[in-house]
Amino acid sequence: MTRPRFSAVVALFLLAACTTPRTEVPSAYVPYGAMRLDSAQTVFFNDRPLPPDPIAADHTGDGQIVIVALSGGGSHGAFGAGVLNGWTESGARPPADVVTGVSAGALLATYAFLGPAYDAKAEEIYASITNKRVYERRDFISIPFSPSFVSQKPLRDLMESLMTDEVLDAVAKERRDKGRRLLVASTDLDNSRVVTWDLTALANSTRPDRRARYVNAIMASSAIPGFFEPVMISPDPDTPGKNAQMHVDGSMSTSIFVPSLIGADDKLPLKVYAVVNSQLLEERSDKLLEPNTIDILEAAVMKMMRTVLQRSLYDAYLATMFVGGEFYMIGMPEDRELATNQLKFKPEVSAKLLGLGRSIARGNGWKTELPRFDSLVTQVQSNELLKGLRPARPRPAAAQPKPK
């Protein structure tokens, strides 16, 4: 590097060090619209009340408790959109009592919650998506002064155009009339915790900014730190900007989750369906990793998120087994050709993943056992461990839906 160029770089980083720091201590309170882990109740500030229904319950009245969990996966969320469509086409998709989503799963969760009538909308998100519809690259000079390498403004604009008042009204009606829940997760960096957002409660809000807060929760769930800017959220909606917390991608803490199942009615069958928008096993790339900051950071973040996904999936599996439920999973095949960069959005790759997810789900490709990960020493699928986890009285068998 020449001396003038080196001096310019040093000057930029010295100037970045002089940017205005945060002066207010971030609040430790659970934010408005999020859930208290101790009581599983949503936090409100003098807003429209909702009945304190249990989360994991038979809200749809079909005689079973069905939870659909959508994982993170970046551009591979196209696979999940295909699964939703293929699942409907199979004629075996049950109505969900609870839908959860993280990161890419959070982008799809609203349409998954609203059911088959919105399958085309879920597919639409990924059908023609490109990098430009997700993020804008920042100028090199502005990066030292910015919270991320790129701006997520295009994705925010897209979500604001999709999450209309009509869509939120439909979400709110499901909560008020039936008690169904739609949950997404983000990571609160300031307080080192996972925050679960109750989108059904936010949709049901009487506040004029309910749509902005709904979109904020989705954006927070999908903000990969370093690449995308964090979402700053104040716990009290009436004091925006005060004691704000820094929220980033939920996949930093949990890539897929089920709500608390303790206390769920054990007289009803419980079925958990996990849609995994990623490959689970370690996959070596044929391409050499370039020794530059961006490539190294991308590879490190993807490695960490894969490890978090493996552990999160086992957590969800164990939680289901603990209460005697049934666990089903559909994940991306371990095909090296599918091991594309999750931060690159290409229509041709999305089209392939959409078709693959649709084909697997249409053919009833749900698995009941998880692969063994070398990074996890404990074999949680061993009969000895599961004998200790299953309750003494097993749940009744769930009725299998008949194909249409």
Protein backbone atom coordinates (compact mmCIF):
# COMPACT_ATOMS: atom_id res chain seq x y z
CA MET A 1 0.00 0.00 0.00
CA THR A 2 1.40 3.40 -0.97
CA ARG A 3 2.04 5.99 1.74
CA PRO A 4 -0.76 8.41 0.64
CA ARG A 5 -3.30 5.59 0.52
CA PHE A 6 -2.19 4.19 3.89
CA SER A 7 -2.40 7.67 5.43
CA ALA A 8 -5.92 8.10 4.09
CA VAL A 9 -7.04 4.84 5.66
CA VAL A 10 -5.50 5.74 9.01
CA ALA A 11 -7.16 9.15 8.90
CA LEU A 12 -10.56 7.58 8.25
CA PHE A 13 -10.33 5.29 11.24
CA LEU A 14 -9.08 8.08 13.49
CA LEU A 15 -12.08 10.14 12.46
CA ALA A 16 -14.37 7.17 13.09
CA ALA A 17 -13.04 6.98 16.63
CA CYS A 18 -14.26 10.54 17.13
CA THR A 19 -17.89 9.81 16.27
CA THR A 20 -20.48 10.59 18.94
CA PRO A 21 -20.80 7.72 21.45
CA ARG A 22 -24.02 6.54 23.05
CA THR A 23 -24.69 8.52 26.21
CA GLU A 24 -27.81 6.85 27.64
CA VAL A 25 -27.68 3.52 29.42
CA PRO A 26 -29.88 1.02 27.52
CA SER A 27 -32.87 -0.15 29.52
CA ALA A 28 -33.03 -3.69 30.85
CA TYR A 29 -36.82 -3.71 30.68
CA VAL A 30 -38.58 -6.04 28.25
CA PRO A 31 -39.70 -3.87 25.32
CA TYR A 32 -43.29 -3.12 24.39
CA GLY A 33 -44.68 -5.94 22.28
CA ALA A 34 -42.16 -8.51 23.52
CA MET A 35 -42.80 -11.39 25.90
CA ARG A 36 -41.75 -11.85 29.49
CA LEU A 37 -40.03 -15.20 29.78
CA ASP A 38 -41.15 -15.64 33.39
CA SER A 39 -44.88 -15.35 32.64
CA ALA A 40 -45.12 -15.73 28.84
CA GLN A 41 -47.27 -12.61 28.81
CA THR A 42 -46.80 -9.77 26.34
CA VAL A 43 -45.72 -6.35 27.61
CA PHE A 44 -48.16 -3.50 26.99
CA PHE A 45 -48.31 0.16 27.88
CA ASN A 46 -52.02 1.01 28.34
CA ASP A 47 -52.92 -0.62 25.03
CA ARG A 48 -55.82 -2.83 23.94
CA PRO A 49 -55.81 -5.85 26.30
CA LEU A 50 -55.75 -9.42 25.06
CA PRO A 51 -56.92 -12.49 26.98
CA PRO A 52 -54.11 -14.30 28.82
CA ASP A 53 -54.47 -17.46 26.73
CA PRO A 54 -51.77 -20.13 26.96
CA ILE A 55 -49.41 -20.06 23.99
CA ALA A 56 -49.21 -23.78 23.21
CA ALA A 57 -52.89 -24.71 23.03
CA ASP A 58 -55.46 -25.96 20.53
CA HIS A 59 -56.46 -22.52 19.26
CA THR A 60 -57.78 -23.78 15.92
CA GLY A 61 -60.13 -26.37 17.43
CA ASP A 62 -58.89 -29.34 15.40
CA GLY A 63 -58.09 -31.51 18.43
CA GLN A 64 -54.31 -31.09 18.40
CA ILE A 65 -51.60 -28.51 19.13
CA VAL A 66 -49.58 -27.61 16.03
CA ILE A 67 -46.48 -25.43 16.09
CA VAL A 68 -44.62 -24.39 12.93
CA ALA A 69 -41.07 -23.08 13.44
CA LEU A 70 -39.19 -21.36 10.60
CA SER A 71 -35.40 -21.05 10.85
CA GLY A 72 -32.97 -18.41 9.68
CA GLY A 73 -31.05 -18.84 6.45
CA GLY A 74 -30.67 -15.55 4.58
CA SER A 75 -31.32 -15.99 0.86
CA HIS A 76 -32.03 -19.67 1.53
CA GLY A 77 -35.36 -18.57 2.97
CA ALA A 78 -36.61 -19.28 -0.56
CA PHE A 79 -36.50 -22.95 0.41
CA GLY A 80 -38.98 -22.31 3.24
CA ALA A 81 -41.32 -20.42 0.91
CA GLY A 82 -41.28 -23.46 -1.38
CA VAL A 83 -41.99 -25.78 1.56
CA LEU A 84 -45.10 -23.80 2.52
CA ASN A 85 -46.44 -24.05 -1.03
CA GLY A 86 -45.64 -27.74 -1.42
CA TRP A 87 -47.07 -28.56 2.01
CA THR A 88 -50.38 -26.99 1.00
CA GLU A 89 -50.36 -28.83 -2.34
CA SER A 90 -49.81 -32.14 -0.51
CA GLY A 91 -53.20 -31.74 1.19
CA ALA A 92 -51.62 -32.61 4.56
CA ARG A 93 -50.90 -29.12 5.96
CA PRO A 94 -52.68 -28.66 9.30
CA PRO A 95 -53.74 -25.24 10.63
CA ALA A 96 -51.04 -23.91 12.97
CA ASP A 97 -51.81 -22.78 16.51
CA VAL A 98 -48.40 -21.11 16.83
CA VAL A 99 -45.91 -19.95 14.20
CA THR A 100 -42.39 -18.83 15.10
CA GLY A 101 -39.67 -17.36 12.90
CA VAL A 102 -36.10 -16.14 13.12
CA SER A 103 -34.24 -14.00 10.56
CA ALA A 104 -35.28 -15.33 7.12
CA GLY A 105 -37.98 -17.27 8.95
CA ALA A 106 -39.27 -14.01 10.43
CA LEU A 107 -39.68 -12.58 6.91
CA LEU A 108 -41.90 -15.56 6.02
CA ALA A 109 -43.66 -16.01 9.36
CA THR A 110 -46.60 -13.65 8.75
CA TYR A 111 -47.63 -15.42 5.57
CA ALA A 112 -47.07 -18.85 7.13
CA PHE A 113 -49.31 -17.77 10.01
CA LEU A 114 -52.11 -16.55 7.72
CA GLY A 115 -52.15 -19.87 5.92
CA PRO A 116 -52.46 -21.27 2.39
CA ALA A 117 -54.27 -18.20 1.05
CA TYR A 118 -50.97 -16.33 1.42
CA ASP A 119 -48.64 -18.98 -0.06
CA ALA A 120 -48.27 -16.99 -3.27
CA LYS A 121 -47.22 -13.94 -1.25
CA ALA A 122 -44.56 -16.00 0.54
CA GLU A 123 -43.21 -17.16 -2.80
CA GLU A 124 -43.34 -13.62 -4.17
CA ILE A 125 -40.82 -12.39 -1.58
CA TYR A 126 -38.09 -14.59 -3.07
CA ALA A 127 -39.23 -15.15 -6.66
CA SER A 128 -37.53 -12.05 -8.05
CA ILE A 129 -35.35 -10.95 -5.16
CA THR A 130 -31.90 -9.51 -5.82
CA ASN A 131 -29.16 -7.95 -3.73
CA LYS A 132 -30.50 -4.50 -4.63
CA ARG A 133 -33.91 -5.35 -3.16
CA VAL A 134 -32.29 -6.35 0.13
CA TYR A 135 -29.43 -3.94 0.77
CA GLU A 136 -27.43 -0.99 -0.51
CA ARG A 137 -23.65 -0.94 -0.38
CA ARG A 138 -22.14 1.94 1.53
CA ASP A 139 -19.32 4.07 0.18
CA PHE A 140 -15.91 3.03 1.44
CA ILE A 141 -15.45 6.42 3.06
CA SER A 142 -18.71 6.13 5.04
CA ILE A 143 -18.14 2.62 6.44
CA PRO A 144 -15.99 3.68 9.42
CA PHE A 145 -18.78 6.06 10.48
CA SER A 146 -21.58 3.52 9.96
CA PRO A 147 -22.96 0.65 12.08
CA SER A 148 -22.69 -1.81 9.18
CA PHE A 149 -21.12 -2.52 5.80
CA VAL A 150 -24.44 -2.18 3.98
CA SER A 151 -27.82 -0.54 4.55
CA GLN A 152 -30.99 -2.63 4.82
CA LYS A 153 -33.22 0.20 3.66
CA PRO A 154 -34.38 -1.65 0.50
CA LEU A 155 -35.50 -4.63 2.59
CA ARG A 156 -37.26 -2.35 5.07
CA ASP A 157 -39.06 -0.62 2.18
CA LEU A 158 -40.07 -4.04 0.83
CA MET A 159 -41.43 -5.24 4.18
CA GLU A 160 -43.33 -2.00 4.72
CA SER A 161 -44.99 -2.47 1.33
CA LEU A 162 -45.93 -6.08 2.15
CA MET A 163 -47.00 -5.71 5.79
CA THR A 164 -50.06 -3.59 5.04
CA ASP A 165 -52.81 -2.60 7.47
CA GLU A 166 -55.01 -5.27 5.87
CA VAL A 167 -52.41 -7.95 6.58
CA LEU A 168 -51.98 -6.80 10.19
CA ASP A 169 -55.75 -6.71 10.67
CA ALA A 170 -55.91 -10.35 9.52
CA VAL A 171 -53.13 -11.29 11.98
CA ALA A 172 -54.85 -9.45 14.85
CA LYS A 173 -58.19 -11.12 14.13
CA GLU A 174 -56.62 -14.59 14.45
CA ARG A 175 -55.30 -13.64 17.89
CA ARG A 176 -58.51 -12.04 19.14
CA ASP A 177 -60.90 -14.67 17.80
CA LYS A 178 -58.85 -17.84 18.30
CA GLY A 179 -55.85 -17.04 20.50
CA ARG A 180 -53.32 -18.06 17.83
CA ARG A 181 -49.76 -16.68 18.24
CA LEU A 182 -47.14 -15.39 15.81
CA LEU A 183 -43.69 -14.95 17.39
CA VAL A 184 -40.29 -13.84 16.09
CA ALA A 185 -36.98 -13.50 17.91
CA SER A 186 -34.15 -10.96 17.95
CA THR A 187 -30.95 -10.65 19.98
CA ASP A 188 -30.67 -7.77 22.46
CA LEU A 189 -26.93 -7.11 22.37
CA ASP A 190 -27.01 -4.64 25.26
CA ASN A 191 -28.59 -7.11 27.67
CA SER A 192 -27.16 -10.31 26.11
CA ARG A 193 -30.52 -12.03 25.71
CA VAL A 194 -33.04 -13.35 23.23
CA VAL A 195 -36.16 -11.21 22.88
CA THR A 196 -39.35 -12.87 21.65
CA TRP A 197 -41.71 -10.48 19.86
CA ASP A 198 -45.45 -11.18 19.87
CA LEU A 199 -46.43 -9.99 16.39
CA THR A 200 -50.05 -10.90 17.03
CA ALA A 201 -50.11 -8.45 19.93
CA LEU A 202 -48.36 -5.73 17.93
CA ALA A 203 -50.87 -6.22 15.09
CA ASN A 204 -53.71 -5.94 17.59
CA SER A 205 -52.37 -2.65 18.97
CA THR A 206 -54.43 0.53 18.79
CA ARG A 207 -51.31 2.66 18.39
CA PRO A 208 -50.95 4.63 15.14
CA ASP A 209 -47.38 3.33 14.79
CA ARG A 210 -48.30 -0.34 15.09
CA ARG A 211 -47.18 -1.13 11.53
CA ALA A 212 -43.79 0.53 12.05
CA ARG A 213 -43.29 -1.47 15.24
CA TYR A 214 -44.38 -4.69 13.56
CA VAL A 215 -41.86 -4.15 10.75
CA ASN A 216 -39.21 -3.10 13.28
CA ALA A 217 -39.48 -6.46 15.04
CA ILE A 218 -39.07 -8.33 11.75
CA MET A 219 -36.11 -6.16 10.73
CA ALA A 220 -34.45 -6.64 14.13
CA SER A 221 -34.81 -10.41 13.76
CA SER A 222 -32.98 -10.34 10.41
CA ALA A 223 -30.22 -7.77 11.08
CA ILE A 224 -26.96 -9.74 10.78
CA PRO A 225 -24.51 -7.69 12.88
CA GLY A 226 -21.69 -6.05 10.98
CA PHE A 227 -23.39 -6.52 7.63
CA PHE A 228 -26.77 -4.94 8.42
CA GLU A 229 -27.38 -2.11 10.84
CA PRO A 230 -28.88 -2.97 14.23
CA VAL A 231 -32.40 -1.81 15.09
CA MET A 232 -32.52 0.55 18.08
CA ILE A 233 -35.68 -0.01 20.13
CA SER A 234 -36.83 1.84 23.24
CA PRO A 235 -38.81 -0.28 25.73
CA ASP A 236 -41.46 2.42 26.21
CA PRO A 237 -43.12 3.32 22.88
CA ASP A 238 -44.04 6.76 24.19
CA THR A 239 -40.39 7.77 24.62
CA PRO A 240 -38.75 6.82 21.29
CA GLY A 241 -34.97 6.94 21.37
CA LYS A 242 -34.75 6.97 25.17
CA ASN A 243 -32.63 4.21 26.73
CA ALA A 244 -32.83 2.33 23.44
CA GLN A 245 -31.63 -1.24 23.16
CA MET A 246 -29.54 -2.53 20.25
CA HIS A 247 -31.29 -5.45 18.56
CA VAL A 248 -29.69 -7.68 15.92
CA ASP A 249 -30.39 -10.97 14.15
CA GLY A 250 -32.07 -13.58 16.32
CA SER A 251 -29.80 -16.20 14.74
CA MET A 252 -26.94 -14.90 16.86
CA SER A 253 -28.68 -16.59 19.81
CA THR A 254 -31.23 -19.04 18.42
CA SER A 255 -31.88 -19.93 14.78
CA ILE A 256 -35.16 -21.75 15.41
CA PHE A 257 -37.37 -21.94 18.48
CA VAL A 258 -40.58 -23.26 19.98
CA PRO A 259 -42.41 -21.42 22.77
CA SER A 260 -42.58 -22.87 26.27
CA LEU A 261 -44.42 -26.19 26.13
CA ILE A 262 -44.56 -26.69 29.89
CA GLY A 263 -48.19 -26.85 30.93
CA ALA A 264 -49.49 -27.62 27.45
CA ASP A 265 -52.58 -29.85 27.64
CA ASP A 266 -51.20 -33.40 27.67
CA LYS A 267 -54.59 -34.80 26.69
CA LEU A 268 -54.06 -33.39 23.18
CA PRO A 269 -51.54 -34.52 20.57
CA LEU A 270 -48.67 -32.07 20.10
CA LYS A 271 -46.90 -31.77 16.74
CA VAL A 272 -43.94 -29.48 16.02
CA TYR A 273 -42.92 -28.86 12.40
CA ALA A 274 -39.47 -27.35 11.86
CA VAL A 275 -38.66 -25.80 8.48
CA VAL A 276 -34.87 -25.44 8.26
CA ASN A 277 -33.77 -22.91 5.64
CA SER A 278 -30.18 -24.09 5.61
CA GLN A 279 -27.94 -27.09 5.32
CA LEU A 280 -27.15 -28.55 8.72
CA LEU A 281 -23.87 -30.39 8.26
CA GLU A 282 -20.46 -28.84 7.79
CA GLU A 283 -19.76 -28.38 4.09
CA ARG A 284 -16.34 -27.60 2.68
CA SER A 285 -16.30 -25.20 -0.23
CA ASP A 286 -14.30 -25.85 -3.39
CA LYS A 287 -13.49 -22.14 -3.48
CA LEU A 288 -10.51 -20.87 -1.53
CA LEU A 289 -11.32 -18.28 1.12
CA GLU A 290 -9.75 -14.97 0.15
CA PRO A 291 -7.64 -13.23 2.85
CA ASN A 292 -9.71 -10.05 3.02
CA THR A 293 -11.92 -8.61 5.72
CA ILE A 294 -15.28 -9.12 4.00
CA ASP A 295 -14.73 -12.74 2.99
CA ILE A 296 -13.29 -13.69 6.38
CA LEU A 297 -16.14 -11.98 8.24
CA GLU A 298 -18.77 -13.63 6.03
CA ALA A 299 -17.25 -17.09 6.52
CA ALA A 300 -16.92 -16.63 10.29
CA VAL A 301 -20.50 -15.41 10.72
CA MET A 302 -21.90 -18.23 8.58
CA LYS A 303 -19.91 -20.80 10.57
CA MET A 304 -21.20 -19.39 13.86
CA MET A 305 -24.80 -19.28 12.62
CA ARG A 306 -24.62 -22.90 11.45
CA THR A 307 -23.42 -23.98 14.89
CA VAL A 308 -26.21 -21.97 16.57
CA LEU A 309 -28.74 -23.57 14.22
CA GLN A 310 -27.58 -27.07 15.12
CA ARG A 311 -27.90 -26.39 18.83
CA SER A 312 -31.21 -24.55 18.46
CA LEU A 313 -32.70 -27.40 16.49
CA TYR A 314 -31.71 -29.88 19.18
CA ASP A 315 -33.17 -27.58 21.85
CA ALA A 316 -36.49 -27.53 19.98
CA TYR A 317 -36.34 -31.30 19.52
CA LEU A 318 -35.64 -31.94 23.20
CA ALA A 319 -38.38 -29.53 24.32
CA THR A 320 -40.86 -31.43 22.17
CA MET A 321 -39.69 -34.84 23.39
CA PHE A 322 -39.83 -33.66 27.01
CA VAL A 323 -43.60 -33.21 26.85
CA GLY A 324 -44.21 -36.30 24.71
CA GLY A 325 -44.81 -34.48 21.44
CA GLU A 326 -44.04 -35.43 17.85
CA PHE A 327 -41.24 -33.63 16.01
CA TYR A 328 -41.03 -33.29 12.22
CA MET A 329 -38.35 -31.53 10.19
CA ILE A 330 -37.71 -30.54 6.59
CA GLY A 331 -34.27 -29.14 5.79
CA MET A 332 -32.20 -28.36 2.73
CA PRO A 333 -30.43 -31.40 1.28
CA GLU A 334 -26.70 -31.65 1.94
CA ASP A 335 -25.83 -31.01 -1.69
CA ARG A 336 -22.65 -29.04 -2.37
CA GLU A 337 -24.28 -27.29 -5.31
CA LEU A 338 -26.80 -25.77 -2.87
CA ALA A 339 -24.09 -24.45 -0.54
CA THR A 340 -24.38 -20.90 -1.89
CA ASN A 341 -23.65 -17.69 0.00
CA GLN A 342 -26.66 -16.85 2.18
CA LEU A 343 -25.86 -13.14 1.87
CA LYS A 344 -26.15 -13.17 -1.92
CA PHE A 345 -29.65 -12.93 -3.39
CA LYS A 346 -29.86 -14.29 -6.93
CA PRO A 347 -33.20 -15.00 -8.68
CA GLU A 348 -31.90 -18.17 -10.34
CA VAL A 349 -30.75 -19.62 -6.99
CA SER A 350 -34.02 -18.60 -5.30
CA ALA A 351 -36.03 -20.25 -8.09
CA LYS A 352 -34.10 -23.48 -7.60
CA LEU A 353 -34.63 -23.45 -3.84
CA LEU A 354 -38.33 -22.61 -4.21
CA GLY A 355 -38.81 -25.59 -6.49
CA LEU A 356 -36.79 -27.88 -4.26
CA GLY A 357 -38.71 -26.93 -1.11
CA ARG A 358 -42.04 -27.35 -2.91
CA SER A 359 -41.05 -30.78 -4.26
CA ILE A 360 -39.84 -32.14 -0.91
CA ALA A 361 -42.89 -30.92 1.04
CA ARG A 362 -45.34 -32.06 -1.65
CA GLY A 363 -43.80 -35.52 -1.39
CA ASN A 364 -44.21 -35.57 2.40
CA GLY A 365 -40.47 -35.34 3.02
CA TRP A 366 -40.77 -34.69 6.77
CA LYS A 367 -38.16 -36.45 8.92
CA THR A 368 -38.71 -37.49 12.52
CA GLU A 369 -35.04 -37.84 13.49
CA LEU A 370 -32.23 -35.30 13.41
CA PRO A 371 -28.79 -35.91 11.95
CA ARG A 372 -25.93 -36.37 14.37
CA PHE A 373 -23.65 -33.35 14.48
CA ASP A 374 -19.99 -33.93 15.28
CA SER A 375 -19.93 -30.61 17.15
CA LEU A 376 -22.48 -31.96 19.64
CA VAL A 377 -21.05 -34.77 21.71
CA THR A 378 -24.31 -35.69 23.46
CA GLN A 379 -26.45 -37.99 21.36
CA VAL A 380 -29.85 -36.75 22.40
CA GLN A 381 -31.60 -39.31 20.26
CA SER A 382 -30.33 -42.24 22.30
CA ASN A 383 -33.08 -44.37 23.83
CA GLU A 384 -31.58 -44.05 27.31
CA LEU A 385 -31.85 -40.25 27.31
CA LEU A 386 -35.30 -40.10 25.76
CA LYS A 387 -36.67 -42.57 28.30
CA GLY A 388 -35.79 -40.04 30.99
CA LEU A 389 -37.32 -37.15 29.05
CA ARG A 390 -40.67 -38.58 28.02
CA PRO A 391 -43.51 -38.04 30.53
CA ALA A 392 -44.94 -41.09 32.26
CA ARG A 393 -48.26 -40.67 30.42
CA PRO A 394 -47.67 -40.33 26.66
CA ARG A 395 -49.85 -38.06 24.59
CA PRO A 396 -52.52 -39.58 22.37
CA ALA A 397 -51.57 -40.17 18.78
CA ALA A 398 -52.33 -37.32 16.41
CA ALA A 399 -54.80 -38.00 13.64
CA GLN A 400 -53.08 -37.94 10.26
CA PRO A 401 -54.72 -35.47 7.83
CA LYS A 402 -56.09 -37.03 4.68
CA PRO A 403 -54.73 -35.73 1.35
CA LYS A 404 -57.29 -33.73 -0.59
